[in-house]
Amino acid sequence: MILSSYSLHKVNSDDTFSFDPSHYSRFKFGDEIIAKKFGIELAAGFIEKQLSLKQTNQQIVVISSPYSFIPTATFTMKNYFVFHLNHWLADNGLPVVQETKVHRTITYKEDYGELDAAERLRLIGNDNFHIDKEFLTNKILLFLDDIKITGSHERMIMKMIKDFDLRNEVHMIYFAELVNKQIHPNIENYLNYYQIKSIFDINTIIRSGNFSLNTRTVKYILISDFKAFQNFLLEQNLDFIYTLYNMALGNNYHTIEAYRRNLNFIKEHLFFNSNILQEYGN
């Protein structure tokens, strides 16, 4: 197996960044315009620094960060990464990208970005990652993620590669990477919540017309204070509520006690009660 790693931005300070932290925060909560910008920039950087320097006609497979049912923010960025990469591949007479998915078996309510290295590894170590080995034979694999902090996700990917006996050329690709190990891993949450301080801050992204619901956003909404959750939800249209509810069920969030009250509010008072929706103008 051949392994390499590439990150577009290096985080070496806890207060100065080579990317806009407010943009990163909005990206993590579903701003597709910023996901597009990040994806194109990441693809351009990877092409310039790595892909254009090698001569190969091998098929490339792009694999977004693992998820169960609800995609991550990285998934949206991945779409634009692939679009930009395909332009370059087509212009150079090379095969365009294929995609596949890393399936994961466990979802959790803990805020991963707040944990230290040991806690992250302990949490994610309970998970299992699965991939279609036969589909990947003799192909170059690009594993895409938004940020590398402690490397625990990468270690799980590498464990999966070993367990499935993958012998491919593998590239780990990140929008950003924490390179100063003196900085606490919770710098990730500093970036995640840089612009999102309450559930109501998400409204500007939702109403922008360029919103993609992702795992982080669903969890943040469902874990919110019940009264705030009620007020937030009653400001949303029926399509949003319908999608939120179905995404939550798809990720088994109805089985997690911390989310149950808010989900039951959707089920009992909104989702199946058109009178309340009409009363609040939805």
Protein backbone atom coordinates (compact mmCIF):
# COMPACT_ATOMS: atom_id res chain seq x y z
CA MET A 1 0.00 0.00 0.00
CA ILE A 2 1.13 3.53 -0.84
CA LEU A 3 -0.01 6.22 1.61
CA SER A 4 0.21 10.01 1.46
CA SER A 5 -1.47 12.90 3.26
CA TYR A 6 -2.39 16.38 2.05
CA SER A 7 -3.96 19.32 3.88
CA LEU A 8 -4.74 22.67 2.27
CA HIS A 9 -4.45 24.71 5.49
CA LYS A 10 -2.17 24.17 8.47
CA VAL A 11 -3.44 25.29 11.89
CA ASN A 12 -0.46 26.45 13.94
CA SER A 13 -2.16 29.07 16.13
CA ASP A 14 -5.30 29.16 18.24
CA ASP A 15 -6.32 32.64 17.08
CA THR A 16 -4.86 33.14 13.59
CA PHE A 17 -5.94 31.02 10.62
CA SER A 18 -5.21 30.93 6.89
CA PHE A 19 -8.95 30.50 6.27
CA ASP A 20 -11.94 32.49 7.56
CA PRO A 21 -13.17 30.81 10.78
CA SER A 22 -16.64 32.33 10.36
CA HIS A 23 -16.85 30.67 6.95
CA TYR A 24 -15.67 27.38 8.42
CA SER A 25 -18.36 27.59 11.12
CA ARG A 26 -21.10 28.24 8.56
CA PHE A 27 -19.77 25.39 6.42
CA LYS A 28 -20.07 22.98 9.37
CA PHE A 29 -23.71 23.98 9.78
CA GLY A 30 -24.75 23.48 6.19
CA ASP A 31 -23.81 26.57 4.16
CA GLU A 32 -23.47 25.07 0.68
CA ILE A 33 -21.97 28.21 -0.88
CA ILE A 34 -18.99 27.91 1.46
CA ALA A 35 -18.85 24.12 0.99
CA LYS A 36 -18.53 24.81 -2.74
CA LYS A 37 -15.72 27.32 -2.17
CA PHE A 38 -13.85 24.94 0.16
CA GLY A 39 -14.29 21.96 -2.17
CA ILE A 40 -12.96 23.80 -5.22
CA GLU A 41 -10.01 25.23 -3.29
CA LEU A 42 -9.14 21.82 -1.85
CA ALA A 43 -9.28 20.13 -5.25
CA ALA A 44 -7.15 22.85 -6.84
CA GLY A 45 -4.54 22.53 -4.10
CA PHE A 46 -4.43 18.74 -4.30
CA ILE A 47 -4.09 18.81 -8.08
CA GLU A 48 -1.27 21.36 -7.95
CA LYS A 49 0.71 19.82 -5.10
CA GLN A 50 0.23 16.11 -5.76
CA LEU A 51 -1.90 14.86 -8.63
CA SER A 52 -0.34 16.91 -11.43
CA LEU A 53 3.13 15.68 -10.42
CA LYS A 54 2.43 12.03 -11.17
CA GLN A 55 1.60 10.23 -14.40
CA THR A 56 -1.19 7.68 -14.00
CA ASN A 57 -4.24 6.46 -15.87
CA GLN A 58 -5.58 4.61 -12.85
CA GLN A 59 -9.18 5.07 -11.81
CA ILE A 60 -9.61 7.48 -8.87
CA VAL A 61 -12.26 6.84 -6.21
CA VAL A 62 -13.25 9.68 -3.86
CA ILE A 63 -14.57 8.67 -0.45
CA SER A 64 -16.13 11.22 1.91
CA SER A 65 -15.89 11.00 5.71
CA PRO A 66 -17.83 8.03 7.14
CA TYR A 67 -21.52 8.45 7.93
CA SER A 68 -24.56 6.31 8.60
CA PHE A 69 -27.68 7.95 7.08
CA ILE A 70 -27.27 11.71 7.42
CA PRO A 71 -24.30 13.04 5.42
CA THR A 72 -21.62 15.13 7.11
CA ALA A 73 -20.62 18.66 6.10
CA THR A 74 -17.67 17.06 4.31
CA PHE A 75 -20.09 15.27 1.99
CA THR A 76 -21.28 18.57 0.51
CA MET A 77 -17.69 19.82 0.16
CA LYS A 78 -16.85 16.48 -1.49
CA ASN A 79 -19.37 17.12 -4.26
CA TYR A 80 -17.59 20.28 -5.38
CA PHE A 81 -14.17 18.71 -4.88
CA VAL A 82 -15.24 16.00 -7.33
CA PHE A 83 -16.71 18.48 -9.83
CA HIS A 84 -13.47 20.49 -9.95
CA LEU A 85 -11.29 17.38 -10.05
CA ASN A 86 -13.37 15.96 -12.90
CA HIS A 87 -12.77 19.11 -14.95
CA TRP A 88 -9.01 18.58 -14.63
CA LEU A 89 -9.20 14.85 -15.31
CA ALA A 90 -11.37 15.30 -18.40
CA ASP A 91 -9.11 18.07 -19.74
CA ASN A 92 -6.16 15.70 -19.40
CA GLY A 93 -7.86 12.71 -21.02
CA LEU A 94 -8.04 10.76 -17.75
CA PRO A 95 -10.93 8.74 -16.27
CA VAL A 96 -13.31 10.86 -14.22
CA VAL A 97 -13.91 10.13 -10.55
CA GLN A 98 -15.88 7.23 -9.12
CA GLU A 99 -17.32 7.38 -5.61
CA THR A 100 -18.11 4.99 -2.81
CA LYS A 101 -19.02 5.24 0.86
CA VAL A 102 -17.50 4.20 4.17
CA HIS A 103 -20.39 2.82 6.20
CA ARG A 104 -20.35 3.28 9.95
CA THR A 105 -22.44 1.42 12.52
CA ILE A 106 -22.59 3.74 15.53
CA THR A 107 -23.85 7.27 16.07
CA TYR A 108 -23.31 9.22 19.29
CA LYS A 109 -24.62 12.39 20.92
CA GLU A 110 -21.25 13.58 22.28
CA ASP A 111 -19.75 16.68 20.67
CA TYR A 112 -16.63 15.17 19.15
CA GLY A 113 -14.92 18.55 18.69
CA GLU A 114 -14.86 19.16 22.45
CA LEU A 115 -12.96 15.97 23.32
CA ASP A 116 -9.25 15.45 23.82
CA ALA A 117 -7.25 12.85 21.87
CA ALA A 118 -7.82 9.96 24.28
CA GLU A 119 -11.55 10.64 24.58
CA ARG A 120 -11.91 10.82 20.80
CA LEU A 121 -10.17 7.52 20.28
CA ARG A 122 -12.21 5.88 23.04
CA LEU A 123 -15.47 7.12 21.52
CA ILE A 124 -14.78 6.35 17.88
CA GLY A 125 -13.00 3.12 18.78
CA ASN A 126 -16.40 1.57 19.48
CA ASP A 127 -17.41 2.11 15.85
CA ASN A 128 -16.93 -0.15 12.86
CA PHE A 129 -16.19 1.07 9.34
CA HIS A 130 -17.12 -0.95 6.26
CA ILE A 131 -16.27 -0.51 2.58
CA ASP A 132 -16.73 -2.44 -0.69
CA LYS A 133 -13.30 -4.00 -1.18
CA GLU A 134 -14.00 -5.56 -4.57
CA PHE A 135 -15.11 -2.26 -6.07
CA LEU A 136 -11.80 -0.65 -5.04
CA THR A 137 -9.38 -3.15 -6.61
CA ASN A 138 -6.50 -1.48 -8.53
CA LYS A 139 -7.89 2.03 -7.95
CA ILE A 140 -6.43 5.15 -6.30
CA LEU A 141 -8.36 6.05 -3.14
CA LEU A 142 -8.87 9.63 -1.97
CA PHE A 143 -10.29 9.77 1.56
CA LEU A 144 -11.71 13.25 2.12
CA ASP A 145 -12.36 15.01 5.46
CA ASP A 146 -12.74 18.59 6.58
CA ILE A 147 -10.16 18.78 9.37
CA LYS A 148 -7.54 16.58 11.02
CA ILE A 149 -7.09 17.30 14.72
CA THR A 150 -5.76 14.26 16.59
CA GLY A 151 -5.83 11.73 13.76
CA SER A 152 -8.31 9.38 15.46
CA HIS A 153 -10.57 9.24 12.39
CA GLU A 154 -7.54 8.56 10.21
CA ARG A 155 -6.48 5.74 12.51
CA MET A 156 -9.93 4.19 12.14
CA ILE A 157 -9.66 4.47 8.35
CA MET A 158 -6.23 2.84 8.48
CA LYS A 159 -7.61 0.06 10.69
CA MET A 160 -10.35 -0.51 8.11
CA ILE A 161 -7.75 -0.60 5.33
CA LYS A 162 -5.81 -3.23 7.27
CA ASP A 163 -8.91 -5.25 8.19
CA PHE A 164 -10.07 -5.34 4.56
CA ASP A 165 -6.52 -5.96 3.30
CA LEU A 166 -6.67 -3.05 0.86
CA ARG A 167 -3.47 -2.70 -1.17
CA ASN A 168 -4.38 0.49 -2.99
CA GLU A 169 -2.61 3.79 -3.34
CA VAL A 170 -4.27 5.87 -0.61
CA HIS A 171 -4.39 9.65 -0.12
CA MET A 172 -5.78 11.24 3.04
CA ILE A 173 -7.01 14.72 2.08
CA TYR A 174 -8.05 17.46 4.52
CA PHE A 175 -9.23 21.03 4.18
CA ALA A 176 -7.26 21.85 7.34
CA GLU A 177 -4.92 20.12 9.78
CA LEU A 178 -3.85 20.96 13.32
CA VAL A 179 -0.05 20.83 13.17
CA ASN A 180 0.73 22.51 16.51
CA LYS A 181 0.22 19.72 19.03
CA GLN A 182 0.49 22.20 21.90
CA ILE A 183 -2.99 23.42 21.01
CA HIS A 184 -5.84 21.53 22.72
CA PRO A 185 -8.00 19.47 20.33
CA ASN A 186 -11.06 21.48 21.38
CA ILE A 187 -9.80 24.12 18.93
CA GLU A 188 -12.09 22.16 16.61
CA ASN A 189 -15.16 23.28 18.52
CA TYR A 190 -13.85 26.84 18.64
CA LEU A 191 -13.94 26.74 14.85
CA ASN A 192 -17.20 24.80 14.62
CA TYR A 193 -19.10 27.32 16.74
CA TYR A 194 -17.20 30.46 15.77
CA GLN A 195 -20.34 32.00 14.26
CA ILE A 196 -23.06 29.68 15.57
CA LYS A 197 -23.74 30.60 19.19
CA SER A 198 -27.36 29.46 19.44
CA ILE A 199 -29.91 27.42 17.55
CA PHE A 200 -31.35 30.63 16.08
CA ASP A 201 -28.06 31.50 14.34
CA ILE A 202 -28.72 28.60 11.97
CA ASN A 203 -31.74 30.43 10.56
CA THR A 204 -29.62 32.71 8.39
CA ILE A 205 -28.08 29.66 6.71
CA ILE A 206 -31.42 27.85 6.33
CA ARG A 207 -33.04 30.91 4.75
CA SER A 208 -30.14 31.65 2.44
CA GLY A 209 -31.48 29.18 -0.11
CA ASN A 210 -28.14 27.34 -0.05
CA PHE A 211 -28.58 25.03 2.92
CA SER A 212 -27.71 21.34 3.18
CA LEU A 213 -28.88 19.52 6.29
CA ASN A 214 -26.04 17.53 7.83
CA THR A 215 -25.29 15.44 10.90
CA ARG A 216 -23.91 18.27 13.01
CA THR A 217 -26.88 20.52 12.36
CA VAL A 218 -29.43 17.80 13.13
CA LYS A 219 -27.70 16.89 16.39
CA TYR A 220 -27.34 20.53 17.43
CA ILE A 221 -31.04 21.18 16.86
CA LEU A 222 -32.17 18.03 18.66
CA ILE A 223 -29.94 18.57 21.71
CA SER A 224 -31.11 22.17 22.17
CA ASP A 225 -33.06 23.42 25.17
CA PHE A 226 -36.67 22.35 24.75
CA LYS A 227 -38.19 25.83 24.83
CA ALA A 228 -35.63 27.18 22.36
CA PHE A 229 -36.23 24.13 20.18
CA GLN A 230 -39.99 24.78 20.17
CA ASN A 231 -39.54 28.42 19.20
CA PHE A 232 -36.99 27.56 16.52
CA LEU A 233 -39.10 24.82 14.99
CA LEU A 234 -42.22 26.93 14.83
CA GLU A 235 -40.31 29.36 12.62
CA GLN A 236 -39.56 26.63 10.05
CA ASN A 237 -41.68 25.48 7.13
CA LEU A 238 -43.21 22.02 6.90
CA ASP A 239 -40.63 20.76 4.39
CA PHE A 240 -37.78 21.52 6.80
CA ILE A 241 -39.57 19.84 9.71
CA TYR A 242 -40.39 16.80 7.58
CA THR A 243 -36.76 16.44 6.46
CA LEU A 244 -35.39 16.97 9.97
CA TYR A 245 -37.66 14.30 11.41
CA ASN A 246 -36.90 11.74 8.70
CA MET A 247 -33.16 12.37 8.85
CA ALA A 248 -33.24 11.89 12.62
CA LEU A 249 -35.08 8.58 12.31
CA GLY A 250 -32.67 7.42 9.61
CA ASN A 251 -29.76 7.92 12.02
CA ASN A 252 -31.60 6.17 14.88
CA TYR A 253 -31.71 9.37 16.91
CA HIS A 254 -35.14 8.40 18.25
CA THR A 255 -33.31 5.73 20.30
CA ILE A 256 -31.06 8.31 22.03
CA GLU A 257 -32.58 9.64 25.25
CA ALA A 258 -31.05 13.11 24.90
CA TYR A 259 -32.95 13.68 21.62
CA ARG A 260 -36.23 12.00 22.52
CA ARG A 261 -38.17 14.95 23.97
CA ASN A 262 -37.51 17.22 21.01
CA LEU A 263 -38.25 14.48 18.50
CA ASN A 264 -41.49 13.64 20.28
CA PHE A 265 -42.48 17.30 20.04
CA ILE A 266 -42.19 17.04 16.26
CA LYS A 267 -44.08 13.77 16.16
CA GLU A 268 -46.87 14.62 18.60
CA HIS A 269 -47.36 18.35 18.20
CA LEU A 270 -46.10 19.37 14.79
CA PHE A 271 -45.48 16.57 12.36
CA PHE A 272 -48.94 15.05 12.78
CA ASN A 273 -50.83 18.16 13.83
CA SER A 274 -51.58 20.44 10.90
CA ASN A 275 -53.68 22.74 13.11
CA ILE A 276 -50.62 23.88 15.06
CA LEU A 277 -48.68 24.36 11.85
CA GLN A 278 -51.50 26.47 10.42
CA GLU A 279 -51.73 28.48 13.65
CA TYR A 280 -48.06 29.46 13.31
CA GLY A 281 -48.34 30.27 9.64
CA ASN A 282 -46.56 27.26 8.14
